[in-house]
Amino acid sequence: MEQSNILFQKKFVENLLPQKSPFVMVDKIYAYSENTIVSGLKIRKENIFFHSGILVESGLIEHMAQSVALHTGYQFFLKQKQAPTGYIGSIKEIEIFELPIFGDEIKTTVTILHEFAGITLVAISSTLNDQEIAKGQMKTILAK
């Protein structure tokens, strides 16, 4: 089952993630398919990773990780099943080129590269105004 060009907002998205406010770092789904998701986050002053006018590096990385979790959460939602808890197994080759500021809206694309036995390797790219600001790979593991 494939869906794209959808736009789900904050309340729906929060229900798909194990994180709860104020730690939720994704507030939109722009597109979804079996192997990808495009998520979004508007940078707000009340964000716990917002300091000195910017979203700090750890906040951007957490946004990327939650975008991966969002793909799993939405996938299980479509199957009408409870999503299992997942864990970051590794973060690899993260490069950050620019940090977003208050009011910016970042979009992150997660692409599944390999998936086997509950272990998933993904490529992640975050953009701001269609310019890549961060990229990397993560490996996640679903709890059994």
Protein backbone atom coordinates (compact mmCIF):
# COMPACT_ATOMS: atom_id res chain seq x y z
CA MET A 1 0.00 0.00 0.00
CA GLU A 2 1.50 3.32 -1.03
CA GLN A 3 0.38 6.82 -0.23
CA SER A 4 2.02 10.11 -1.09
CA ASN A 5 1.40 13.84 -1.04
CA ILE A 6 -0.36 13.65 2.31
CA LEU A 7 -0.01 16.22 5.00
CA PHE A 8 -0.69 15.15 8.57
CA GLN A 9 -0.29 17.70 11.29
CA LYS A 10 1.08 17.68 14.82
CA LYS A 11 -1.67 15.88 16.82
CA PHE A 12 -1.88 12.92 14.43
CA VAL A 13 1.92 12.70 14.11
CA GLU A 14 2.43 12.74 17.89
CA ASN A 15 0.22 9.66 18.23
CA LEU A 16 2.56 7.72 15.93
CA LEU A 17 5.69 8.38 18.00
CA PRO A 18 6.82 6.90 21.32
CA GLN A 19 8.18 10.34 22.36
CA LYS A 20 5.81 12.72 24.09
CA SER A 21 5.76 16.49 24.52
CA PRO A 22 8.01 18.37 25.00
CA PHE A 23 10.37 15.87 23.36
CA VAL A 24 8.49 15.46 20.04
CA MET A 25 10.74 16.67 17.21
CA VAL A 26 8.46 16.00 14.20
CA ASP A 27 5.18 17.79 13.54
CA LYS A 28 4.21 16.90 9.95
CA ILE A 29 4.16 14.11 7.40
CA TYR A 30 4.48 15.42 3.85
CA ALA A 31 4.77 12.09 2.02
CA TYR A 32 4.89 8.38 2.75
CA SER A 33 5.64 5.20 0.84
CA GLU A 34 6.72 1.72 1.88
CA ASN A 35 10.39 2.75 1.63
CA THR A 36 10.35 6.49 2.37
CA ILE A 37 8.84 9.21 4.49
CA VAL A 38 9.14 12.98 4.28
CA SER A 39 8.59 14.62 7.65
CA GLY A 40 8.69 18.20 8.82
CA LEU A 41 9.41 20.34 11.84
CA LYS A 42 8.77 24.04 12.35
CA ILE A 43 11.40 25.52 14.66
CA ARG A 44 9.73 27.15 17.67
CA LYS A 45 11.23 28.95 20.67
CA GLU A 46 9.67 26.46 23.09
CA ASN A 47 11.54 23.56 21.45
CA ILE A 48 13.81 22.01 24.10
CA PHE A 49 16.70 21.96 21.59
CA PHE A 50 16.31 25.66 20.70
CA HIS A 51 19.16 27.72 22.18
CA SER A 52 20.65 31.09 21.26
CA GLY A 53 18.37 31.48 18.25
CA ILE A 54 19.05 28.09 16.61
CA LEU A 55 18.04 24.46 16.75
CA VAL A 56 21.24 22.89 18.09
CA GLU A 57 22.94 19.88 16.49
CA SER A 58 21.51 17.34 18.92
CA GLY A 59 18.01 18.62 18.13
CA LEU A 60 18.54 18.19 14.40
CA ILE A 61 19.86 14.65 14.93
CA GLU A 62 16.92 13.83 17.21
CA HIS A 63 14.54 15.16 14.53
CA MET A 64 16.22 12.83 12.02
CA ALA A 65 15.89 9.85 14.39
CA GLN A 66 12.23 10.59 15.13
CA SER A 67 11.58 10.81 11.39
CA VAL A 68 12.77 7.19 11.15
CA ALA A 69 10.46 6.23 14.04
CA LEU A 70 7.61 8.06 12.33
CA HIS A 71 7.94 5.83 9.26
CA THR A 72 7.59 2.75 11.44
CA GLY A 73 4.73 4.26 13.44
CA TYR A 74 2.77 5.18 10.33
CA GLN A 75 3.46 1.80 8.71
CA PHE A 76 1.96 0.02 11.72
CA PHE A 77 -0.94 2.52 11.87
CA LEU A 78 -1.86 1.55 8.30
CA LYS A 79 -1.85 -2.12 9.36
CA GLN A 80 -4.02 -1.19 12.36
CA LYS A 81 -1.39 -2.58 14.72
CA GLN A 82 0.51 -1.18 17.68
CA ALA A 83 4.00 -0.07 16.66
CA PRO A 84 6.81 -1.79 18.55
CA THR A 85 9.44 0.21 20.41
CA GLY A 86 12.55 0.86 18.37
CA TYR A 87 16.09 1.79 19.30
CA ILE A 88 18.92 3.51 17.48
CA GLY A 89 21.58 0.89 16.83
CA SER A 90 24.06 3.28 15.25
CA ILE A 91 24.40 6.74 13.77
CA LYS A 92 26.84 6.92 10.89
CA GLU A 93 28.32 9.63 8.73
CA ILE A 94 26.17 12.49 10.05
CA GLU A 95 27.11 15.76 8.39
CA ILE A 96 25.50 19.04 9.41
CA PHE A 97 25.95 21.95 7.03
CA GLU A 98 23.60 24.51 8.57
CA LEU A 99 21.41 24.84 11.65
CA PRO A 100 17.83 26.10 11.33
CA ILE A 101 16.69 29.21 13.18
CA PHE A 102 13.41 30.26 14.78
CA GLY A 103 10.53 30.03 12.31
CA ASP A 104 12.35 27.82 9.81
CA GLU A 105 10.55 24.72 8.53
CA ILE A 106 12.83 21.75 7.89
CA LYS A 107 11.88 18.73 5.81
CA THR A 108 13.54 15.38 6.25
CA THR A 109 13.50 12.47 3.85
CA VAL A 110 14.15 8.98 5.23
CA THR A 111 14.92 6.27 2.69
CA ILE A 112 15.13 2.64 3.73
CA LEU A 113 18.29 1.08 2.30
CA HIS A 114 18.07 -2.38 3.90
CA GLU A 115 15.63 -4.07 6.23
CA PHE A 116 16.04 -7.53 7.71
CA ALA A 117 14.83 -9.23 10.90
CA GLY A 118 13.79 -6.00 12.61
CA ILE A 119 17.02 -4.19 11.78
CA THR A 120 16.72 -1.28 9.36
CA LEU A 121 19.44 0.82 7.71
CA VAL A 122 18.25 4.21 6.46
CA ALA A 123 19.68 7.22 4.65
CA ILE A 124 18.43 10.56 5.95
CA SER A 125 18.56 14.01 4.38
CA SER A 126 17.23 17.19 5.98
CA THR A 127 16.55 20.30 3.91
CA LEU A 128 15.68 23.92 4.51
CA ASN A 129 14.21 25.82 1.56
CA ASP A 130 15.21 22.91 -0.72
CA GLN A 131 18.88 23.13 0.38
CA GLU A 132 20.39 20.15 2.18
CA ILE A 133 21.39 21.12 5.72
CA ALA A 134 22.17 17.65 7.15
CA LYS A 135 22.55 14.06 6.03
CA GLY A 136 23.61 10.70 7.37
CA GLN A 137 22.69 7.11 8.02
CA MET A 138 21.11 5.36 10.99
CA LYS A 139 20.52 1.77 11.90
CA THR A 140 17.45 1.05 14.01
CA ILE A 141 16.39 -2.09 15.82
CA LEU A 142 12.84 -3.04 16.76
CA ALA A 143 12.31 -4.51 20.22
CA LYS A 144 10.99 -8.06 20.27
